[in-house]
């Protein structure tokens, strides 16, 4: 029964977000489809999945272990922390912390998680900032790299 409540809440949220996304307009045409298409397509997909969950045949599912729920909550907290730290701490530092924390959460060795975090955050920063020309915030590392 909890699944059906969840599906109903998701359906209501997707309907509200569709009403909001329907009013997206762009001051200039940079894309023939416009800014509405992508959010609307995702919300239609979310609505369809919610309807399937709402009306699917009842299947008894095993109970979810408490440790798995706790790990999922910690994962959400890490991702929210990443989003909140992104601007003030900068891309490199916030990505390094998120990658390291998620690696530890999923059972990685601390040294490998740290190395992966360092390599990925610096590599992705170089890729986006230099090659793809997508400006990313430096945050507290501004004094090292300049503006």
C-alpha atoms as a PDB file:
ATOM      1  CA  UNK A   1       0.000   0.000   0.000  1.00  0.00           C
ATOM      2  CA  UNK A   2       2.927   2.314   0.673  1.00  0.00           C
ATOM      3  CA  UNK A   3       3.953   1.981  -2.979  1.00  0.00           C
ATOM      4  CA  UNK A   4       0.584   3.287  -4.133  1.00  0.00           C
ATOM      5  CA  UNK A   5       0.813   6.320  -1.823  1.00  0.00           C
ATOM      6  CA  UNK A   6       4.282   7.021  -3.154  1.00  0.00           C
ATOM      7  CA  UNK A   7       3.015   6.718  -6.739  1.00  0.00           C
ATOM      8  CA  UNK A   8       0.136   9.086  -6.029  1.00  0.00           C
ATOM      9  CA  UNK A   9       2.474  11.674  -4.506  1.00  0.00           C
ATOM     10  CA  UNK A  10       4.819  11.374  -7.507  1.00  0.00           C
ATOM     11  CA  UNK A  11       1.878  11.762  -9.890  1.00  0.00           C
ATOM     12  CA  UNK A  12       0.722  14.940  -8.135  1.00  0.00           C
ATOM     13  CA  UNK A  13       4.256  16.358  -8.092  1.00  0.00           C
ATOM     14  CA  UNK A  14       4.764  15.604 -11.778  1.00  0.00           C
ATOM     15  CA  UNK A  15       1.416  17.226 -12.652  1.00  0.00           C
ATOM     16  CA  UNK A  16       2.330  20.407 -10.763  1.00  0.00           C
ATOM     17  CA  UNK A  17       5.780  20.502 -12.345  1.00  0.00           C
ATOM     18  CA  UNK A  18       4.218  19.998 -15.797  1.00  0.00           C
ATOM     19  CA  UNK A  19       2.088  23.090 -15.243  1.00  0.00           C
ATOM     20  CA  UNK A  20       5.199  25.027 -14.275  1.00  0.00           C
ATOM     21  CA  UNK A  21       7.304  23.666 -17.162  1.00  0.00           C
ATOM     22  CA  UNK A  22       4.554  24.421 -19.668  1.00  0.00           C
ATOM     23  CA  UNK A  23       5.228  28.125 -19.128  1.00  0.00           C
ATOM     24  CA  UNK A  24       8.978  27.955 -19.809  1.00  0.00           C
ATOM     25  CA  UNK A  25       9.865  30.427 -22.532  1.00  0.00           C
ATOM     26  CA  UNK A  26      13.187  31.551 -23.908  1.00  0.00           C
ATOM     27  CA  UNK A  27      13.910  35.176 -24.794  1.00  0.00           C
ATOM     28  CA  UNK A  28      15.807  33.969 -27.864  1.00  0.00           C
ATOM     29  CA  UNK A  29      15.641  30.818 -29.950  1.00  0.00           C
ATOM     30  CA  UNK A  30      18.831  28.875 -29.413  1.00  0.00           C
ATOM     31  CA  UNK A  31      17.125  25.538 -29.944  1.00  0.00           C
ATOM     32  CA  UNK A  32      14.270  24.705 -32.345  1.00  0.00           C
ATOM     33  CA  UNK A  33      12.435  22.753 -29.639  1.00  0.00           C
ATOM     34  CA  UNK A  34      12.808  25.353 -26.887  1.00  0.00           C
ATOM     35  CA  UNK A  35      13.399  24.967 -23.152  1.00  0.00           C
ATOM     36  CA  UNK A  36      10.099  23.161 -22.496  1.00  0.00           C
ATOM     37  CA  UNK A  37      10.703  19.885 -24.269  1.00  0.00           C
ATOM     38  CA  UNK A  38      13.218  18.220 -21.989  1.00  0.00           C
ATOM     39  CA  UNK A  39      11.422  18.837 -18.662  1.00  0.00           C
ATOM     40  CA  UNK A  40       8.059  17.936 -20.169  1.00  0.00           C
ATOM     41  CA  UNK A  41       9.375  14.680 -21.622  1.00  0.00           C
ATOM     42  CA  UNK A  42      10.890  13.702 -18.282  1.00  0.00           C
ATOM     43  CA  UNK A  43       7.702  14.602 -16.434  1.00  0.00           C
ATOM     44  CA  UNK A  44       5.567  12.617 -18.869  1.00  0.00           C
ATOM     45  CA  UNK A  45       7.856   9.641 -18.272  1.00  0.00           C
ATOM     46  CA  UNK A  46       7.590  10.167 -14.497  1.00  0.00           C
ATOM     47  CA  UNK A  47       3.790  10.369 -14.764  1.00  0.00           C
ATOM     48  CA  UNK A  48       3.636   7.160 -16.787  1.00  0.00           C
ATOM     49  CA  UNK A  49       5.805   5.312 -14.276  1.00  0.00           C
ATOM     50  CA  UNK A  50       3.704   6.699 -11.421  1.00  0.00           C
ATOM     51  CA  UNK A  51       0.510   5.509 -13.100  1.00  0.00           C
ATOM     52  CA  UNK A  52       2.030   2.067 -13.593  1.00  0.00           C
ATOM     53  CA  UNK A  53       2.975   1.921  -9.904  1.00  0.00           C
ATOM     54  CA  UNK A  54      -0.485   3.113  -8.941  1.00  0.00           C
ATOM     55  CA  UNK A  55      -2.417   0.547 -10.969  1.00  0.00           C
ATOM     56  CA  UNK A  56      -0.036  -2.414 -11.198  1.00  0.00           C
ATOM     57  CA  UNK A  57      -1.097  -5.745  -9.724  1.00  0.00           C
ATOM     58  CA  UNK A  58      -0.303  -6.116  -6.064  1.00  0.00           C
ATOM     59  CA  UNK A  59       2.997  -7.861  -5.521  1.00  0.00           C
ATOM     60  CA  UNK A  60       4.300  -8.648  -2.080  1.00  0.00           C
ATOM     61  CA  UNK A  61       7.787  -7.284  -1.711  1.00  0.00           C
ATOM     62  CA  UNK A  62      10.260  -8.307   0.946  1.00  0.00           C
ATOM     63  CA  UNK A  63      11.029  -5.803   3.687  1.00  0.00           C
ATOM     64  CA  UNK A  64      13.935  -3.503   2.980  1.00  0.00           C
ATOM     65  CA  UNK A  65      16.780  -3.973   5.464  1.00  0.00           C
ATOM     66  CA  UNK A  66      17.272  -1.007   7.802  1.00  0.00           C
ATOM     67  CA  UNK A  67      20.957  -0.724   6.893  1.00  0.00           C
ATOM     68  CA  UNK A  68      20.029  -0.239   3.244  1.00  0.00           C
ATOM     69  CA  UNK A  69      17.583   2.527   4.159  1.00  0.00           C
ATOM     70  CA  UNK A  70      20.230   4.228   6.294  1.00  0.00           C
ATOM     71  CA  UNK A  71      22.767   4.021   3.453  1.00  0.00           C
ATOM     72  CA  UNK A  72      20.235   5.472   1.001  1.00  0.00           C
ATOM     73  CA  UNK A  73      19.531   8.377   3.373  1.00  0.00           C
ATOM     74  CA  UNK A  74      23.266   9.001   3.823  1.00  0.00           C
ATOM     75  CA  UNK A  75      23.667   8.955   0.027  1.00  0.00           C
ATOM     76  CA  UNK A  76      20.941  11.600  -0.355  1.00  0.00           C
ATOM     77  CA  UNK A  77      22.584  13.709   2.371  1.00  0.00           C
ATOM     78  CA  UNK A  78      25.945  13.492   0.571  1.00  0.00           C
ATOM     79  CA  UNK A  79      24.366  14.536  -2.742  1.00  0.00           C
ATOM     80  CA  UNK A  80      22.509  17.439  -1.109  1.00  0.00           C
ATOM     81  CA  UNK A  81      25.737  18.513   0.581  1.00  0.00           C
ATOM     82  CA  UNK A  82      27.423  18.427  -2.823  1.00  0.00           C
ATOM     83  CA  UNK A  83      24.742  20.692  -4.241  1.00  0.00           C
ATOM     84  CA  UNK A  84      25.012  23.165  -1.361  1.00  0.00           C
ATOM     85  CA  UNK A  85      28.837  23.173  -1.362  1.00  0.00           C
ATOM     86  CA  UNK A  86      29.158  23.459  -5.133  1.00  0.00           C
ATOM     87  CA  UNK A  87      29.209  27.267  -5.309  1.00  0.00           C
ATOM     88  CA  UNK A  88      31.001  28.237  -2.066  1.00  0.00           C
ATOM     89  CA  UNK A  89      33.599  25.438  -2.034  1.00  0.00           C
ATOM     90  CA  UNK A  90      33.960  25.214  -5.801  1.00  0.00           C
ATOM     91  CA  UNK A  91      33.686  22.335  -8.227  1.00  0.00           C
ATOM     92  CA  UNK A  92      36.988  20.644  -7.465  1.00  0.00           C
ATOM     93  CA  UNK A  93      36.686  20.535  -3.680  1.00  0.00           C
ATOM     94  CA  UNK A  94      32.974  19.702  -3.562  1.00  0.00           C
ATOM     95  CA  UNK A  95      33.388  16.961  -6.190  1.00  0.00           C
ATOM     96  CA  UNK A  96      36.384  15.520  -4.359  1.00  0.00           C
ATOM     97  CA  UNK A  97      34.426  15.369  -1.086  1.00  0.00           C
ATOM     98  CA  UNK A  98      31.354  13.862  -2.753  1.00  0.00           C
ATOM     99  CA  UNK A  99      33.321  11.209  -4.661  1.00  0.00           C
ATOM    100  CA  UNK A 100      35.345  10.301  -1.569  1.00  0.00           C
ATOM    101  CA  UNK A 101      32.249  10.114   0.664  1.00  0.00           C
ATOM    102  CA  UNK A 102      30.249   8.035  -1.804  1.00  0.00           C
ATOM    103  CA  UNK A 103      33.195   5.712  -2.330  1.00  0.00           C
ATOM    104  CA  UNK A 104      33.519   5.136   1.408  1.00  0.00           C
ATOM    105  CA  UNK A 105      29.748   4.668   1.704  1.00  0.00           C
ATOM    106  CA  UNK A 106      29.847   1.918  -0.919  1.00  0.00           C
ATOM    107  CA  UNK A 107      32.724   0.104   0.758  1.00  0.00           C
ATOM    108  CA  UNK A 108      35.776   1.426  -1.050  1.00  0.00           C
ATOM    109  CA  UNK A 109      39.203   1.609   0.523  1.00  0.00           C
ATOM    110  CA  UNK A 110      39.892   5.175   1.756  1.00  0.00           C
ATOM    111  CA  UNK A 111      43.136   5.566  -0.237  1.00  0.00           C
ATOM    112  CA  UNK A 112      41.465   4.515  -3.500  1.00  0.00           C
ATOM    113  CA  UNK A 113      38.452   6.725  -2.802  1.00  0.00           C
ATOM    114  CA  UNK A 114      40.757   9.693  -2.166  1.00  0.00           C
ATOM    115  CA  UNK A 115      42.801   9.047  -5.314  1.00  0.00           C
ATOM    116  CA  UNK A 116      39.665   8.600  -7.409  1.00  0.00           C
ATOM    117  CA  UNK A 117      38.204  11.801  -5.996  1.00  0.00           C
ATOM    118  CA  UNK A 118      41.352  13.798  -6.735  1.00  0.00           C
ATOM    119  CA  UNK A 119      41.809  12.427 -10.255  1.00  0.00           C
ATOM    120  CA  UNK A 120      38.131  12.689 -11.242  1.00  0.00           C
ATOM    121  CA  UNK A 121      37.506  16.160  -9.823  1.00  0.00           C
ATOM    122  CA  UNK A 122      40.605  17.680 -11.437  1.00  0.00           C
ATOM    123  CA  UNK A 123      40.062  15.826 -14.736  1.00  0.00           C
ATOM    124  CA  UNK A 124      36.420  16.836 -14.954  1.00  0.00           C
ATOM    125  CA  UNK A 125      37.294  20.435 -14.093  1.00  0.00           C
ATOM    126  CA  UNK A 126      39.857  20.550 -16.897  1.00  0.00           C
ATOM    127  CA  UNK A 127      37.424  18.882 -19.306  1.00  0.00           C
ATOM    128  CA  UNK A 128      34.545  21.249 -18.598  1.00  0.00           C
ATOM    129  CA  UNK A 129      36.460  24.478 -18.003  1.00  0.00           C
ATOM    130  CA  UNK A 130      39.137  24.221 -20.683  1.00  0.00           C
ATOM    131  CA  UNK A 131      37.932  21.849 -23.380  1.00  0.00           C
ATOM    132  CA  UNK A 132      34.135  22.261 -23.280  1.00  0.00           C
ATOM    133  CA  UNK A 133      34.335  25.924 -22.199  1.00  0.00           C
ATOM    134  CA  UNK A 134      31.775  25.491 -19.409  1.00  0.00           C
ATOM    135  CA  UNK A 135      32.706  27.826 -16.561  1.00  0.00           C
ATOM    136  CA  UNK A 136      32.729  26.083 -13.185  1.00  0.00           C
ATOM    137  CA  UNK A 137      33.063  27.778  -9.793  1.00  0.00           C
ATOM    138  CA  UNK A 138      36.474  27.633  -8.151  1.00  0.00           C
ATOM    139  CA  UNK A 139      35.152  28.549  -4.707  1.00  0.00           C
ATOM    140  CA  UNK A 140      37.870  28.700  -2.085  1.00  0.00           C
ATOM    141  CA  UNK A 141      40.499  27.608  -4.624  1.00  0.00           C
ATOM    142  CA  UNK A 142      40.212  30.957  -6.446  1.00  0.00           C
ATOM    143  CA  UNK A 143      43.422  32.194  -4.805  1.00  0.00           C
ATOM    144  CA  UNK A 144      45.361  29.326  -6.450  1.00  0.00           C
ATOM    145  CA  UNK A 145      43.922  29.459  -9.973  1.00  0.00           C
ATOM    146  CA  UNK A 146      43.029  33.151 -10.114  1.00  0.00           C
ATOM    147  CA  UNK A 147      39.731  34.274 -11.581  1.00  0.00           C
END
